[in-house]
Amino acid sequence: VPAAEVIPVGPDGMVALDALDRMLDADVRPALVSVMHANNETGVIQPLAEIAAIARRHGAVFHCDAVQAAGKVSLEAGAIGADLVTLSAHKIGGPPGVGALVVTGGVDPAPLLRGGGQEHRRRAGTENLPGIAGFAAAAAAAAAEVAVYKRVAGLRDRLEAEIAAIAPDTVVLGAAANRLPNTSAIAMPGVAAETQVVALDLDGVMVSAGAACSSGKVGPSHVLAAMRVDSAIAASTIRVSLGWSSSEAEIDHFLRAWTALYLRCRGLAEGARAA
């Protein structure tokens, strides 16, 4: 993107507020600040109120990408403090290909497609009525499920605590930050993420080596690189995602499979050292 700058983050994955303030202070042009509500690899939630305050102080428009957070934490456009908020239906169980742009500030977005008197000349073309209706139904259901994710947070905390007890050398990335209740980025040092994904899959557990939208991409995660995570740790990090229906029994199954893999890999490593 021409003239775009990437806001740095700290080791916890949260936006460096001082850096953002300096960047806007040095920019004499009208600025747009665009920040994810929550990261899709680590689950880290950004300090939106502070970001909004900095943007307002500098006269910048603030856009929040809330796609990953929708349905998992309470979302109120006014509370977020953003001028623009984007959402996507497929992330909350709705049909793919449908999104929403919530305009809360005194912003008048320029249309990309001219025409569309029926949509206040913001977008030409016939509305995708079935998709919009599906999005609305999914949004209503997702709003009711937010409370369920408080239970899911307990499952995630249990999973992380038991892994730490079994394997103190493991690392939970972004653990010190406020995070989504269902997301955990866990590193098993010395064991490639791809190895973990395959081994756990064979044991009936589905995890990923990063974001789903990066599947098939070779190379380290740009998210972990921005957090300045050691390359060896980054290469051994998997993402574990829970859902509204996740159960204690499923956590038990994950822990059995993960522990068996950990002990097997540690045994191989110790055997290699002894040889």
Protein backbone atom coordinates (compact mmCIF):
# COMPACT_ATOMS: atom_id res chain seq x y z
CA VAL A 1 0.00 0.00 0.00
CA PRO A 2 1.56 3.35 -1.00
CA ALA A 3 2.78 5.42 1.94
CA ALA A 4 1.66 2.77 4.46
CA GLU A 5 3.74 2.09 7.56
CA VAL A 6 3.49 -0.94 9.82
CA ILE A 7 2.97 -0.14 13.49
CA PRO A 8 5.44 -2.16 15.60
CA VAL A 9 4.27 -4.45 18.38
CA GLY A 10 5.92 -5.54 21.61
CA PRO A 11 6.97 -9.07 22.60
CA ASP A 12 3.42 -9.62 23.87
CA GLY A 13 1.99 -8.84 20.43
CA MET A 14 0.32 -5.61 21.50
CA VAL A 15 0.65 -2.40 19.51
CA ALA A 16 3.48 -0.17 20.73
CA LEU A 17 1.41 2.88 21.66
CA ASP A 18 4.39 5.23 21.98
CA ALA A 19 5.53 4.25 18.48
CA LEU A 20 2.04 4.87 17.07
CA ASP A 21 1.96 8.29 18.72
CA ARG A 22 5.35 9.20 17.21
CA MET A 23 4.37 7.94 13.76
CA LEU A 24 1.22 10.06 13.71
CA ASP A 25 3.05 13.04 15.14
CA ALA A 26 5.51 12.92 12.25
CA ASP A 27 2.80 12.51 9.58
CA VAL A 28 1.51 15.77 8.12
CA ARG A 29 -1.01 14.03 5.84
CA PRO A 30 -4.50 12.82 6.77
CA ALA A 31 -3.93 9.42 8.31
CA LEU A 32 -5.79 6.15 8.69
CA VAL A 33 -4.91 3.82 11.56
CA SER A 34 -5.99 0.23 10.89
CA VAL A 35 -5.64 -2.34 13.68
CA MET A 36 -6.94 -5.86 14.28
CA HIS A 37 -9.21 -6.21 17.29
CA ALA A 38 -7.59 -9.58 18.02
CA ASN A 39 -4.85 -11.52 16.30
CA ASN A 40 -5.85 -14.73 14.55
CA GLU A 41 -2.65 -16.63 15.46
CA THR A 42 -2.08 -15.68 19.09
CA GLY A 43 -5.51 -14.39 20.12
CA VAL A 44 -3.93 -11.21 21.54
CA ILE A 45 -6.49 -8.41 21.93
CA GLN A 46 -5.28 -4.91 21.17
CA PRO A 47 -5.73 -1.91 23.54
CA LEU A 48 -8.40 -0.36 21.33
CA ALA A 49 -9.45 2.46 23.67
CA GLU A 50 -5.87 3.73 23.90
CA ILE A 51 -5.36 3.41 20.14
CA ALA A 52 -8.61 5.28 19.48
CA ALA A 53 -7.55 8.09 21.83
CA ILE A 54 -4.20 8.48 20.06
CA ALA A 55 -5.88 8.48 16.64
CA ARG A 56 -8.41 11.11 17.72
CA ARG A 57 -5.69 13.31 19.18
CA HIS A 58 -3.94 13.36 15.81
CA GLY A 59 -7.11 13.72 13.74
CA ALA A 60 -6.66 10.27 12.19
CA VAL A 61 -9.46 7.93 11.12
CA PHE A 62 -9.40 4.69 13.14
CA HIS A 63 -10.41 1.41 11.47
CA CYS A 64 -10.74 -1.80 13.48
CA ASP A 65 -10.76 -5.24 11.84
CA ALA A 66 -12.98 -7.15 14.26
CA VAL A 67 -13.39 -10.25 12.07
CA GLN A 68 -11.54 -12.61 14.42
CA ALA A 69 -13.09 -11.28 17.63
CA ALA A 70 -16.74 -11.38 16.55
CA GLY A 71 -18.79 -13.96 18.42
CA LYS A 72 -16.04 -14.57 21.00
CA VAL A 73 -16.01 -11.31 22.93
CA SER A 74 -18.58 -8.56 23.33
CA LEU A 75 -18.52 -6.18 20.38
CA GLU A 76 -20.06 -2.73 20.59
CA ALA A 77 -18.88 -0.33 17.91
CA GLY A 78 -19.14 2.63 20.27
CA ALA A 79 -17.12 0.88 22.97
CA ILE A 80 -14.40 -0.04 20.47
CA GLY A 81 -13.97 3.64 19.71
CA ALA A 82 -13.30 3.12 16.01
CA ASP A 83 -14.69 5.16 13.15
CA LEU A 84 -14.90 2.05 10.97
CA VAL A 85 -15.35 -1.59 11.99
CA THR A 86 -15.24 -4.56 9.60
CA LEU A 87 -16.89 -7.94 10.19
CA SER A 88 -17.22 -11.17 8.18
CA ALA A 89 -20.11 -13.62 8.25
CA HIS A 90 -18.11 -16.82 7.80
CA LYS A 91 -16.23 -16.29 11.08
CA ILE A 92 -19.44 -16.56 13.08
CA GLY A 93 -21.04 -19.44 11.21
CA GLY A 94 -22.67 -17.40 8.46
CA PRO A 95 -22.31 -17.76 4.68
CA PRO A 96 -18.92 -16.96 3.12
CA GLY A 97 -18.57 -13.93 0.90
CA VAL A 98 -20.63 -11.58 3.06
CA GLY A 99 -19.18 -8.81 5.20
CA ALA A 100 -20.16 -5.65 6.99
CA LEU A 101 -18.58 -2.22 7.31
CA VAL A 102 -19.88 -0.42 10.39
CA VAL A 103 -19.44 3.35 10.07
CA THR A 104 -19.64 4.97 13.50
CA GLY A 105 -17.69 8.21 13.12
CA GLY A 106 -18.11 11.23 10.89
CA VAL A 107 -16.58 9.31 8.00
CA ASP A 108 -18.09 9.07 4.52
CA PRO A 109 -16.31 6.21 2.68
CA ALA A 110 -15.80 6.77 -1.04
CA PRO A 111 -17.52 4.07 -3.15
CA LEU A 112 -15.40 1.62 -5.11
CA LEU A 113 -18.29 0.91 -7.51
CA ARG A 114 -20.33 3.87 -8.75
CA GLY A 115 -24.10 3.75 -8.81
CA GLY A 116 -26.40 1.88 -6.47
CA GLY A 117 -29.05 4.42 -5.62
CA GLN A 118 -30.79 1.73 -3.57
CA GLU A 119 -27.71 1.65 -1.33
CA HIS A 120 -27.29 5.41 -0.98
CA ARG A 121 -24.84 5.33 -3.91
CA ARG A 122 -22.25 3.54 -1.81
CA ARG A 123 -22.17 0.35 -3.90
CA ALA A 124 -23.60 -0.61 -7.28
CA GLY A 125 -25.23 -3.95 -7.96
CA THR A 126 -27.98 -6.12 -6.56
CA GLU A 127 -27.74 -6.96 -2.89
CA ASN A 128 -26.94 -10.55 -1.91
CA LEU A 129 -30.16 -10.89 0.05
CA PRO A 130 -29.76 -14.58 1.09
CA GLY A 131 -26.21 -13.86 2.24
CA ILE A 132 -27.26 -10.79 4.19
CA ALA A 133 -30.12 -12.70 5.86
CA GLY A 134 -27.74 -15.53 6.72
CA PHE A 135 -25.29 -13.03 8.18
CA ALA A 136 -28.04 -11.50 10.33
CA ALA A 137 -29.11 -14.90 11.66
CA ALA A 138 -25.51 -15.86 12.42
CA ALA A 139 -24.90 -12.53 14.17
CA ALA A 140 -27.93 -13.02 16.41
CA ALA A 141 -26.76 -16.52 17.34
CA ALA A 142 -23.17 -15.35 17.88
CA ALA A 143 -24.28 -12.58 20.24
CA ALA A 144 -25.98 -15.20 22.39
CA GLU A 145 -22.84 -17.38 22.38
CA VAL A 146 -20.45 -14.75 23.76
CA ALA A 147 -21.29 -15.84 27.32
CA VAL A 148 -20.46 -19.43 26.38
CA TYR A 149 -16.90 -18.39 25.59
CA LYS A 150 -16.31 -17.55 29.25
CA ARG A 151 -16.53 -21.31 29.82
CA VAL A 152 -14.24 -21.88 26.83
CA ALA A 153 -11.65 -19.55 28.40
CA GLY A 154 -11.57 -21.88 31.39
CA LEU A 155 -10.88 -24.84 29.10
CA ARG A 156 -8.06 -22.96 27.39
CA ASP A 157 -6.54 -21.98 30.73
CA ARG A 158 -6.69 -25.57 31.92
CA LEU A 159 -5.05 -26.80 28.71
CA GLU A 160 -2.20 -24.31 29.03
CA ALA A 161 -1.69 -24.95 32.75
CA GLU A 162 -1.51 -28.73 32.33
CA ILE A 163 0.90 -28.44 29.41
CA ALA A 164 3.13 -26.16 31.53
CA ALA A 165 3.08 -28.73 34.34
CA ILE A 166 4.00 -31.57 31.97
CA ALA A 167 6.56 -29.64 29.95
CA PRO A 168 8.01 -26.51 31.61
CA ASP A 169 10.06 -25.77 28.49
CA THR A 170 6.96 -25.06 26.40
CA VAL A 171 6.05 -21.47 25.57
CA VAL A 172 2.59 -19.92 25.28
CA LEU A 173 2.97 -16.86 23.08
CA GLY A 174 1.13 -13.74 24.15
CA ALA A 175 0.22 -15.34 27.47
CA ALA A 176 0.75 -12.10 29.40
CA ALA A 177 -1.69 -10.16 27.20
CA ASN A 178 -5.47 -10.06 27.15
CA ARG A 179 -6.48 -12.73 24.62
CA LEU A 180 -9.46 -14.27 22.90
CA PRO A 181 -10.90 -17.04 25.09
CA ASN A 182 -10.45 -19.79 22.51
CA THR A 183 -6.98 -19.29 21.03
CA SER A 184 -3.62 -20.57 22.21
CA ALA A 185 -0.28 -20.41 20.38
CA ILE A 186 1.95 -23.07 21.94
CA ALA A 187 5.59 -23.81 21.14
CA MET A 188 7.12 -27.25 21.74
CA PRO A 189 10.82 -26.33 21.41
CA GLY A 190 12.83 -28.57 19.13
CA VAL A 191 9.82 -30.11 17.40
CA ALA A 192 8.77 -28.60 14.07
CA ALA A 193 5.22 -27.28 13.94
CA GLU A 194 4.49 -29.40 10.85
CA THR A 195 5.58 -32.54 12.73
CA GLN A 196 3.21 -31.69 15.56
CA VAL A 197 0.31 -31.00 13.19
CA VAL A 198 0.71 -34.37 11.44
CA ALA A 199 1.27 -36.37 14.63
CA LEU A 200 -1.72 -34.85 16.41
CA ASP A 201 -3.88 -35.32 13.32
CA LEU A 202 -3.07 -39.03 13.37
CA ASP A 203 -4.28 -39.03 16.97
CA GLY A 204 -7.57 -37.36 16.05
CA VAL A 205 -6.64 -33.81 17.01
CA MET A 206 -6.77 -30.95 14.51
CA VAL A 207 -4.43 -28.00 15.08
CA SER A 208 -2.65 -25.65 12.70
CA ALA A 209 0.83 -24.28 12.16
CA GLY A 210 -0.37 -20.68 12.01
CA ALA A 211 -3.39 -19.00 10.50
CA ALA A 212 -5.68 -20.89 8.13
CA CYS A 213 -5.23 -18.14 5.54
CA SER A 214 -1.48 -18.91 5.55
CA SER A 215 -1.87 -22.65 4.91
CA GLY A 216 0.69 -23.87 2.39
CA LYS A 217 2.92 -20.86 2.95
CA VAL A 218 6.56 -21.76 3.54
CA GLY A 219 8.46 -19.63 6.03
CA PRO A 220 8.10 -18.24 9.53
CA SER A 221 4.95 -16.53 10.73
CA HIS A 222 5.07 -12.77 10.13
CA VAL A 223 3.05 -12.36 13.32
CA LEU A 224 5.67 -14.10 15.46
CA ALA A 225 8.45 -12.31 13.59
CA ALA A 226 6.84 -8.96 14.46
CA MET A 227 6.79 -10.07 18.12
CA ARG A 228 10.52 -10.83 17.76
CA VAL A 229 9.99 -14.44 18.77
CA ASP A 230 13.14 -16.54 18.45
CA SER A 231 13.11 -18.29 15.06
CA ALA A 232 13.47 -21.74 16.64
CA ILE A 233 10.48 -21.10 18.92
CA ALA A 234 8.46 -19.68 16.03
CA ALA A 235 9.18 -22.78 13.93
CA SER A 236 7.84 -25.02 16.71
CA THR A 237 4.62 -23.09 17.40
CA ILE A 238 1.15 -24.50 16.74
CA ARG A 239 -2.21 -22.78 17.06
CA VAL A 240 -4.85 -24.53 19.15
CA SER A 241 -8.38 -23.20 18.65
CA LEU A 242 -11.40 -24.14 20.75
CA GLY A 243 -15.05 -23.63 19.89
CA TRP A 244 -18.33 -22.99 21.64
CA SER A 245 -18.98 -26.74 21.83
CA SER A 246 -15.52 -27.76 23.09
CA SER A 247 -15.68 -30.02 26.13
CA GLU A 248 -13.57 -31.20 29.06
CA ALA A 249 -13.38 -34.61 27.37
CA GLU A 250 -11.89 -33.03 24.25
CA ILE A 251 -9.29 -31.22 26.37
CA ASP A 252 -8.46 -34.57 28.00
CA HIS A 253 -8.00 -36.13 24.57
CA PHE A 254 -5.79 -33.27 23.38
CA LEU A 255 -3.61 -33.47 26.49
CA ARG A 256 -3.14 -37.23 26.11
CA ALA A 257 -2.17 -36.86 22.45
CA TRP A 258 0.08 -33.84 23.06
CA THR A 259 1.81 -35.47 26.05
CA ALA A 260 2.47 -38.69 24.12
CA LEU A 261 4.02 -36.69 21.29
CA TYR A 262 6.10 -34.59 23.69
CA LEU A 263 7.47 -37.62 25.55
CA ARG A 264 8.15 -39.46 22.30
CA CYS A 265 10.08 -36.52 20.87
CA ARG A 266 11.97 -35.95 24.10
CA GLY A 267 12.87 -39.63 24.23
CA LEU A 268 14.23 -39.51 20.70
CA ALA A 269 16.22 -36.39 21.51
CA GLU A 270 17.71 -37.92 24.66
CA GLY A 271 18.52 -41.12 22.78
CA ALA A 272 20.33 -39.14 20.11
CA ARG A 273 22.35 -37.28 22.75
CA ALA A 274 23.28 -40.55 24.49
CA ALA A 275 24.43 -42.05 21.19
